[in-house]
Amino acid sequence: MNPLNPKKRLLTKWTAVRPVDKDKHFLVTRVVEPETPGEKTQWVDIEAVFSRTTHRVAWRDLQDDAVWKQGWA
């Protein structure tokens, strides 16, 4: 399991273990801030490198080694 902090995830690179819509390599393009102050960040937007499509995922899902690998492998 990767130790993560949502604020430090911006512009990090990720590889999907199983391709998502034929895309395998992603880049965190935005950390979605909560609407009310004091709440914790829960979402990040990831962009596929090849197709430029954006997906919103829970940032804690990036800790699951069965789904995501950090870096481009």
PDB file of N, CA and C in Angstrom:
ATOM      1  N   MET A   1       0.844  -1.175   0.000  1.00  0.00           N
ATOM      2  CA  MET A   1       0.000   0.000   0.000  1.00  0.00           C
ATOM      3  C   MET A   1       0.896   1.247   0.000  1.00  0.00           C
ATOM      4  N   ASN A   2       0.556   2.205  -0.839  1.00  0.00           N
ATOM      5  CA  ASN A   2       1.341   3.421  -0.967  1.00  0.00           C
ATOM      6  C   ASN A   2       0.866   4.473   0.031  1.00  0.00           C
ATOM      7  N   PRO A   3       1.768   5.081   0.813  1.00  0.00           N
ATOM      8  CA  PRO A   3       1.349   6.183   1.675  1.00  0.00           C
ATOM      9  C   PRO A   3       1.090   7.417   0.805  1.00  0.00           C
ATOM     10  N   LEU A   4      -0.089   8.006   0.928  1.00  0.00           N
ATOM     11  CA  LEU A   4      -0.478   9.109   0.053  1.00  0.00           C
ATOM     12  C   LEU A   4      -1.001  10.294   0.840  1.00  0.00           C
ATOM     13  N   ASN A   5      -0.824  11.460   0.272  1.00  0.00           N
ATOM     14  CA  ASN A   5      -1.409  12.693   0.763  1.00  0.00           C
ATOM     15  C   ASN A   5      -2.067  13.337  -0.451  1.00  0.00           C
ATOM     16  N   PRO A   6      -3.360  13.659  -0.404  1.00  0.00           N
ATOM     17  CA  PRO A   6      -4.035  14.159  -1.602  1.00  0.00           C
ATOM     18  C   PRO A   6      -3.429  15.450  -2.143  1.00  0.00           C
ATOM     19  N   LYS A   7      -2.901  16.294  -1.299  1.00  0.00           N
ATOM     20  CA  LYS A   7      -2.326  17.566  -1.748  1.00  0.00           C
ATOM     21  C   LYS A   7      -1.056  17.359  -2.576  1.00  0.00           C
ATOM     22  N   LYS A   8      -0.350  16.257  -2.326  1.00  0.00           N
ATOM     23  CA  LYS A   8       0.911  16.003  -3.024  1.00  0.00           C
ATOM     24  C   LYS A   8       0.723  15.105  -4.245  1.00  0.00           C
ATOM     25  N   ARG A   9      -0.489  14.801  -4.612  1.00  0.00           N
ATOM     26  CA  ARG A   9      -0.763  13.909  -5.736  1.00  0.00           C
ATOM     27  C   ARG A   9      -0.874  14.637  -7.060  1.00  0.00           C
ATOM     28  N   LEU A  10      -0.957  15.964  -7.070  1.00  0.00           N
ATOM     29  CA  LEU A  10      -1.105  16.728  -8.300  1.00  0.00           C
ATOM     30  C   LEU A  10       0.079  16.462  -9.227  1.00  0.00           C
ATOM     31  N   LEU A  11      -0.234  16.157 -10.485  1.00  0.00           N
ATOM     32  CA  LEU A  11       0.737  15.876 -11.549  1.00  0.00           C
ATOM     33  C   LEU A  11       1.542  14.596 -11.340  1.00  0.00           C
ATOM     34  N   THR A  12       1.047  13.682 -10.498  1.00  0.00           N
ATOM     35  CA  THR A  12       1.705  12.384 -10.363  1.00  0.00           C
ATOM     36  C   THR A  12       1.209  11.456 -11.464  1.00  0.00           C
ATOM     37  N   LYS A  13       2.030  10.467 -11.809  1.00  0.00           N
ATOM     38  CA  LYS A  13       1.736   9.541 -12.896  1.00  0.00           C
ATOM     39  C   LYS A  13       1.283   8.206 -12.329  1.00  0.00           C
ATOM     40  N   TRP A  14       0.278   7.601 -12.989  1.00  0.00           N
ATOM     41  CA  TRP A  14      -0.275   6.330 -12.541  1.00  0.00           C
ATOM     42  C   TRP A  14      -0.518   5.416 -13.721  1.00  0.00           C
ATOM     43  N   THR A  15      -0.364   4.118 -13.484  1.00  0.00           N
ATOM     44  CA  THR A  15      -0.646   3.097 -14.481  1.00  0.00           C
ATOM     45  C   THR A  15      -1.775   2.224 -13.964  1.00  0.00           C
ATOM     46  N   ALA A  16      -2.794   2.049 -14.794  1.00  0.00           N
ATOM     47  CA  ALA A  16      -3.905   1.165 -14.436  1.00  0.00           C
ATOM     48  C   ALA A  16      -3.476  -0.274 -14.659  1.00  0.00           C
ATOM     49  N   VAL A  17      -3.717  -1.133 -13.682  1.00  0.00           N
ATOM     50  CA  VAL A  17      -3.371  -2.548 -13.819  1.00  0.00           C
ATOM     51  C   VAL A  17      -4.202  -3.154 -14.943  1.00  0.00           C
ATOM     52  N   ARG A  18      -5.500  -2.830 -14.982  1.00  0.00           N
ATOM     53  CA  ARG A  18      -6.386  -3.220 -16.074  1.00  0.00           C
ATOM     54  C   ARG A  18      -6.765  -1.946 -16.818  1.00  0.00           C
ATOM     55  N   PRO A  19      -6.520  -1.857 -18.122  1.00  0.00           N
ATOM     56  CA  PRO A  19      -6.814  -0.630 -18.862  1.00  0.00           C
ATOM     57  C   PRO A  19      -8.261  -0.172 -18.700  1.00  0.00           C
ATOM     58  N   VAL A  20      -8.445   1.143 -18.639  1.00  0.00           N
ATOM     59  CA  VAL A  20      -9.756   1.774 -18.515  1.00  0.00           C
ATOM     60  C   VAL A  20     -10.066   2.416 -19.862  1.00  0.00           C
ATOM     61  N   ASP A  21     -11.075   1.908 -20.570  1.00  0.00           N
ATOM     62  CA  ASP A  21     -11.434   2.413 -21.903  1.00  0.00           C
ATOM     63  C   ASP A  21     -10.212   2.455 -22.827  1.00  0.00           C
ATOM     64  N   LYS A  22      -9.431   1.404 -22.814  1.00  0.00           N
ATOM     65  CA  LYS A  22      -8.216   1.237 -23.621  1.00  0.00           C
ATOM     66  C   LYS A  22      -7.092   2.197 -23.239  1.00  0.00           C
ATOM     67  N   ASP A  23      -7.215   2.878 -22.119  1.00  0.00           N
ATOM     68  CA  ASP A  23      -6.160   3.761 -21.630  1.00  0.00           C
ATOM     69  C   ASP A  23      -5.484   3.108 -20.436  1.00  0.00           C
ATOM     70  N   LYS A  24      -4.174   3.195 -20.398  1.00  0.00           N
ATOM     71  CA  LYS A  24      -3.429   2.566 -19.322  1.00  0.00           C
ATOM     72  C   LYS A  24      -2.671   3.570 -18.468  1.00  0.00           C
ATOM     73  N   HIS A  25      -2.183   4.659 -19.057  1.00  0.00           N
ATOM     74  CA  HIS A  25      -1.364   5.635 -18.342  1.00  0.00           C
ATOM     75  C   HIS A  25      -2.174   6.904 -18.067  1.00  0.00           C
ATOM     76  N   PHE A  26      -2.088   7.383 -16.817  1.00  0.00           N
ATOM     77  CA  PHE A  26      -2.882   8.530 -16.381  1.00  0.00           C
ATOM     78  C   PHE A  26      -2.018   9.515 -15.608  1.00  0.00           C
ATOM     79  N   LEU A  27      -2.490  10.757 -15.565  1.00  0.00           N
ATOM     80  CA  LEU A  27      -1.830  11.834 -14.851  1.00  0.00           C
ATOM     81  C   LEU A  27      -2.878  12.530 -13.991  1.00  0.00           C
ATOM     82  N   VAL A  28      -2.566  12.763 -12.708  1.00  0.00           N
ATOM     83  CA  VAL A  28      -3.496  13.483 -11.832  1.00  0.00           C
ATOM     84  C   VAL A  28      -3.442  14.962 -12.226  1.00  0.00           C
ATOM     85  N   THR A  29      -4.551  15.486 -12.728  1.00  0.00           N
ATOM     86  CA  THR A  29      -4.582  16.861 -13.220  1.00  0.00           C
ATOM     87  C   THR A  29      -5.233  17.835 -12.254  1.00  0.00           C
ATOM     88  N   ARG A  30      -5.997  17.316 -11.284  1.00  0.00           N
ATOM     89  CA  ARG A  30      -6.697  18.211 -10.367  1.00  0.00           C
ATOM     90  C   ARG A  30      -7.044  17.481  -9.081  1.00  0.00           C
ATOM     91  N   VAL A  31      -6.818  18.139  -7.966  1.00  0.00           N
ATOM     92  CA  VAL A  31      -7.274  17.651  -6.675  1.00  0.00           C
ATOM     93  C   VAL A  31      -8.560  18.415  -6.377  1.00  0.00           C
ATOM     94  N   VAL A  32      -9.680  17.702  -6.268  1.00  0.00           N
ATOM     95  CA  VAL A  32     -10.987  18.333  -6.084  1.00  0.00           C
ATOM     96  C   VAL A  32     -11.154  18.699  -4.613  1.00  0.00           C
ATOM     97  N   GLU A  33     -11.241  19.982  -4.354  1.00  0.00           N
ATOM     98  CA  GLU A  33     -11.408  20.480  -2.986  1.00  0.00           C
ATOM     99  C   GLU A  33     -12.865  20.323  -2.549  1.00  0.00           C
ATOM    100  N   PRO A  34     -13.120  19.996  -1.276  1.00  0.00           N
ATOM    101  CA  PRO A  34     -14.501  19.876  -0.795  1.00  0.00           C
ATOM    102  C   PRO A  34     -15.185  21.243  -0.768  1.00  0.00           C
ATOM    103  N   GLU A  35     -16.510  21.224  -0.871  1.00  0.00           N
ATOM    104  CA  GLU A  35     -17.278  22.467  -0.899  1.00  0.00           C
ATOM    105  C   GLU A  35     -17.269  23.189   0.441  1.00  0.00           C
ATOM    106  N   THR A  36     -17.286  22.448   1.528  1.00  0.00           N
ATOM    107  CA  THR A  36     -17.290  23.077   2.850  1.00  0.00           C
ATOM    108  C   THR A  36     -15.902  22.997   3.463  1.00  0.00           C
ATOM    109  N   PRO A  37     -15.435  24.098   4.034  1.00  0.00           N
ATOM    110  CA  PRO A  37     -14.117  24.078   4.671  1.00  0.00           C
ATOM    111  C   PRO A  37     -14.086  23.104   5.849  1.00  0.00           C
ATOM    112  N   GLY A  38     -12.971  22.501   6.053  1.00  0.00           N
ATOM    113  CA  GLY A  38     -12.818  21.572   7.171  1.00  0.00           C
ATOM    114  C   GLY A  38     -13.025  20.121   6.781  1.00  0.00           C
ATOM    115  N   GLU A  39     -13.670  19.875   5.652  1.00  0.00           N
ATOM    116  CA  GLU A  39     -13.839  18.501   5.192  1.00  0.00           C
ATOM    117  C   GLU A  39     -12.562  18.044   4.504  1.00  0.00           C
ATOM    118  N   LYS A  40     -12.378  16.738   4.431  1.00  0.00           N
ATOM    119  CA  LYS A  40     -11.180  16.184   3.811  1.00  0.00           C
ATOM    120  C   LYS A  40     -11.390  16.021   2.300  1.00  0.00           C
ATOM    121  N   THR A  41     -10.298  16.136   1.572  1.00  0.00           N
ATOM    122  CA  THR A  41     -10.319  15.921   0.132  1.00  0.00           C
ATOM    123  C   THR A  41     -10.605  14.455  -0.147  1.00  0.00           C
ATOM    124  N   GLN A  42     -11.533  14.193  -1.082  1.00  0.00           N
ATOM    125  CA  GLN A  42     -11.880  12.809  -1.378  1.00  0.00           C
ATOM    126  C   GLN A  42     -11.688  12.431  -2.840  1.00  0.00           C
ATOM    127  N   TRP A  43     -11.612  13.391  -3.746  1.00  0.00           N
ATOM    128  CA  TRP A  43     -11.588  13.092  -5.169  1.00  0.00           C
ATOM    129  C   TRP A  43     -10.400  13.736  -5.874  1.00  0.00           C
ATOM    130  N   VAL A  44      -9.937  13.073  -6.915  1.00  0.00           N
ATOM    131  CA  VAL A  44      -8.959  13.648  -7.827  1.00  0.00           C
ATOM    132  C   VAL A  44      -9.435  13.373  -9.252  1.00  0.00           C
ATOM    133  N   ASP A  45      -9.060  14.259 -10.166  1.00  0.00           N
ATOM    134  CA  ASP A  45      -9.332  14.040 -11.579  1.00  0.00           C
ATOM    135  C   ASP A  45      -8.061  13.509 -12.214  1.00  0.00           C
ATOM    136  N   ILE A  46      -8.198  12.393 -12.942  1.00  0.00           N
ATOM    137  CA  ILE A  46      -7.063  11.830 -13.652  1.00  0.00           C
ATOM    138  C   ILE A  46      -7.348  11.920 -15.144  1.00  0.00           C
ATOM    139  N   GLU A  47      -6.306  12.231 -15.900  1.00  0.00           N
ATOM    140  CA  GLU A  47      -6.445  12.368 -17.349  1.00  0.00           C
ATOM    141  C   GLU A  47      -5.627  11.294 -18.041  1.00  0.00           C
ATOM    142  N   ALA A  48      -6.257  10.622 -18.995  1.00  0.00           N
ATOM    143  CA  ALA A  48      -5.551   9.614 -19.774  1.00  0.00           C
ATOM    144  C   ALA A  48      -4.537  10.310 -20.672  1.00  0.00           C
ATOM    145  N   VAL A  49      -3.339   9.788 -20.717  1.00  0.00           N
ATOM    146  CA  VAL A  49      -2.271  10.423 -21.483  1.00  0.00           C
ATOM    147  C   VAL A  49      -2.554  10.338 -22.983  1.00  0.00           C
ATOM    148  N   PHE A  50      -3.046   9.203 -23.440  1.00  0.00           N
ATOM    149  CA  PHE A  50      -3.235   9.007 -24.875  1.00  0.00           C
ATOM    150  C   PHE A  50      -4.486   9.701 -25.406  1.00  0.00           C
ATOM    151  N   SER A  51      -5.638   9.465 -24.773  1.00  0.00           N
ATOM    152  CA  SER A  51      -6.907   9.982 -25.311  1.00  0.00           C
ATOM    153  C   SER A  51      -7.335  11.317 -24.714  1.00  0.00           C
ATOM    154  N   ARG A  52      -6.675  11.751 -23.645  1.00  0.00           N
ATOM    155  CA  ARG A  52      -6.992  13.018 -22.964  1.00  0.00           C
ATOM    156  C   ARG A  52      -8.377  13.032 -22.316  1.00  0.00           C
ATOM    157  N   THR A  53      -8.962  11.861 -22.064  1.00  0.00           N
ATOM    158  CA  THR A  53     -10.232  11.811 -21.344  1.00  0.00           C
ATOM    159  C   THR A  53      -9.964  11.922 -19.849  1.00  0.00           C
ATOM    160  N   THR A  54     -10.893  12.532 -19.135  1.00  0.00           N
ATOM    161  CA  THR A  54     -10.731  12.755 -17.699  1.00  0.00           C
ATOM    162  C   THR A  54     -11.722  11.889 -16.938  1.00  0.00           C
ATOM    163  N   HIS A  55     -11.222  11.285 -15.859  1.00  0.00           N
ATOM    164  CA  HIS A  55     -12.051  10.472 -14.973  1.00  0.00           C
ATOM    165  C   HIS A  55     -11.880  10.999 -13.554  1.00  0.00           C
ATOM    166  N   ARG A  56     -12.948  10.951 -12.774  1.00  0.00           N
ATOM    167  CA  ARG A  56     -12.869  11.336 -11.366  1.00  0.00           C
ATOM    168  C   ARG A  56     -12.836  10.062 -10.531  1.00  0.00           C
ATOM    169  N   VAL A  57     -11.813   9.958  -9.688  1.00  0.00           N
ATOM    170  CA  VAL A  57     -11.677   8.786  -8.827  1.00  0.00           C
ATOM    171  C   VAL A  57     -11.435   9.251  -7.394  1.00  0.00           C
ATOM    172  N   ALA A  58     -11.797   8.417  -6.453  1.00  0.00           N
ATOM    173  CA  ALA A  58     -11.489   8.704  -5.051  1.00  0.00           C
ATOM    174  C   ALA A  58      -9.970   8.574  -4.900  1.00  0.00           C
ATOM    175  N   TRP A  59      -9.331   9.561  -4.303  1.00  0.00           N
ATOM    176  CA  TRP A  59      -7.866   9.546  -4.240  1.00  0.00           C
ATOM    177  C   TRP A  59      -7.348   8.369  -3.434  1.00  0.00           C
ATOM    178  N   ARG A  60      -8.139   7.863  -2.501  1.00  0.00           N
ATOM    179  CA  ARG A  60      -7.705   6.704  -1.720  1.00  0.00           C
ATOM    180  C   ARG A  60      -7.690   5.419  -2.550  1.00  0.00           C
ATOM    181  N   ASP A  61      -8.434   5.400  -3.667  1.00  0.00           N
ATOM    182  CA  ASP A  61      -8.398   4.234  -4.546  1.00  0.00           C
ATOM    183  C   ASP A  61      -7.021   4.049  -5.172  1.00  0.00           C
ATOM    184  N   LEU A  62      -6.248   5.119  -5.243  1.00  0.00           N
ATOM    185  CA  LEU A  62      -4.902   5.017  -5.803  1.00  0.00           C
ATOM    186  C   LEU A  62      -3.980   4.185  -4.913  1.00  0.00           C
ATOM    187  N   GLN A  63      -4.380   3.936  -3.680  1.00  0.00           N
ATOM    188  CA  GLN A  63      -3.586   3.108  -2.771  1.00  0.00           C
ATOM    189  C   GLN A  63      -3.731   1.621  -3.054  1.00  0.00           C
ATOM    190  N   ASP A  64      -4.748   1.238  -3.812  1.00  0.00           N
ATOM    191  CA  ASP A  64      -5.010  -0.171  -4.084  1.00  0.00           C
ATOM    192  C   ASP A  64      -4.052  -0.672  -5.167  1.00  0.00           C
ATOM    193  N   ASP A  65      -3.067  -1.467  -4.767  1.00  0.00           N
ATOM    194  CA  ASP A  65      -2.057  -1.972  -5.700  1.00  0.00           C
ATOM    195  C   ASP A  65      -2.625  -2.948  -6.725  1.00  0.00           C
ATOM    196  N   ALA A  66      -3.817  -3.477  -6.473  1.00  0.00           N
ATOM    197  CA  ALA A  66      -4.443  -4.374  -7.435  1.00  0.00           C
ATOM    198  C   ALA A  66      -5.072  -3.602  -8.588  1.00  0.00           C
ATOM    199  N   VAL A  67      -5.249  -2.283  -8.433  1.00  0.00           N
ATOM    200  CA  VAL A  67      -5.887  -1.455  -9.445  1.00  0.00           C
ATOM    201  C   VAL A  67      -4.920  -0.451 -10.061  1.00  0.00           C
ATOM    202  N   TRP A  68      -4.067   0.173  -9.246  1.00  0.00           N
ATOM    203  CA  TRP A  68      -3.163   1.236  -9.696  1.00  0.00           C
ATOM    204  C   TRP A  68      -1.724   0.977  -9.283  1.00  0.00           C
ATOM    205  N   LYS A  69      -0.794   1.318 -10.169  1.00  0.00           N
ATOM    206  CA  LYS A  69       0.643   1.308  -9.869  1.00  0.00           C
ATOM    207  C   LYS A  69       1.147   2.735 -10.050  1.00  0.00           C
ATOM    208  N   GLN A  70       1.949   3.210  -9.107  1.00  0.00           N
ATOM    209  CA  GLN A  70       2.476   4.567  -9.231  1.00  0.00           C
ATOM    210  C   GLN A  70       3.568   4.608 -10.279  1.00  0.00           C
ATOM    211  N   GLY A  71       3.554   5.631 -11.103  1.00  0.00           N
ATOM    212  CA  GLY A  71       4.513   5.766 -12.192  1.00  0.00           C
ATOM    213  C   GLY A  71       3.982   5.130 -13.451  1.00  0.00           C
ATOM    214  N   TRP A  72       4.769   5.231 -14.518  1.00  0.00           N
ATOM    215  CA  TRP A  72       4.384   4.619 -15.790  1.00  0.00           C
ATOM    216  C   TRP A  72       5.236   3.393 -15.996  1.00  0.00           C
ATOM    217  N   ALA A  73       4.591   2.258 -15.889  1.00  0.00           N
ATOM    218  CA  ALA A  73       5.316   0.989 -16.021  1.00  0.00           C
ATOM    219  C   ALA A  73       4.988   0.321 -17.325  1.00  0.00           C
TER     220      ALA A  73
END
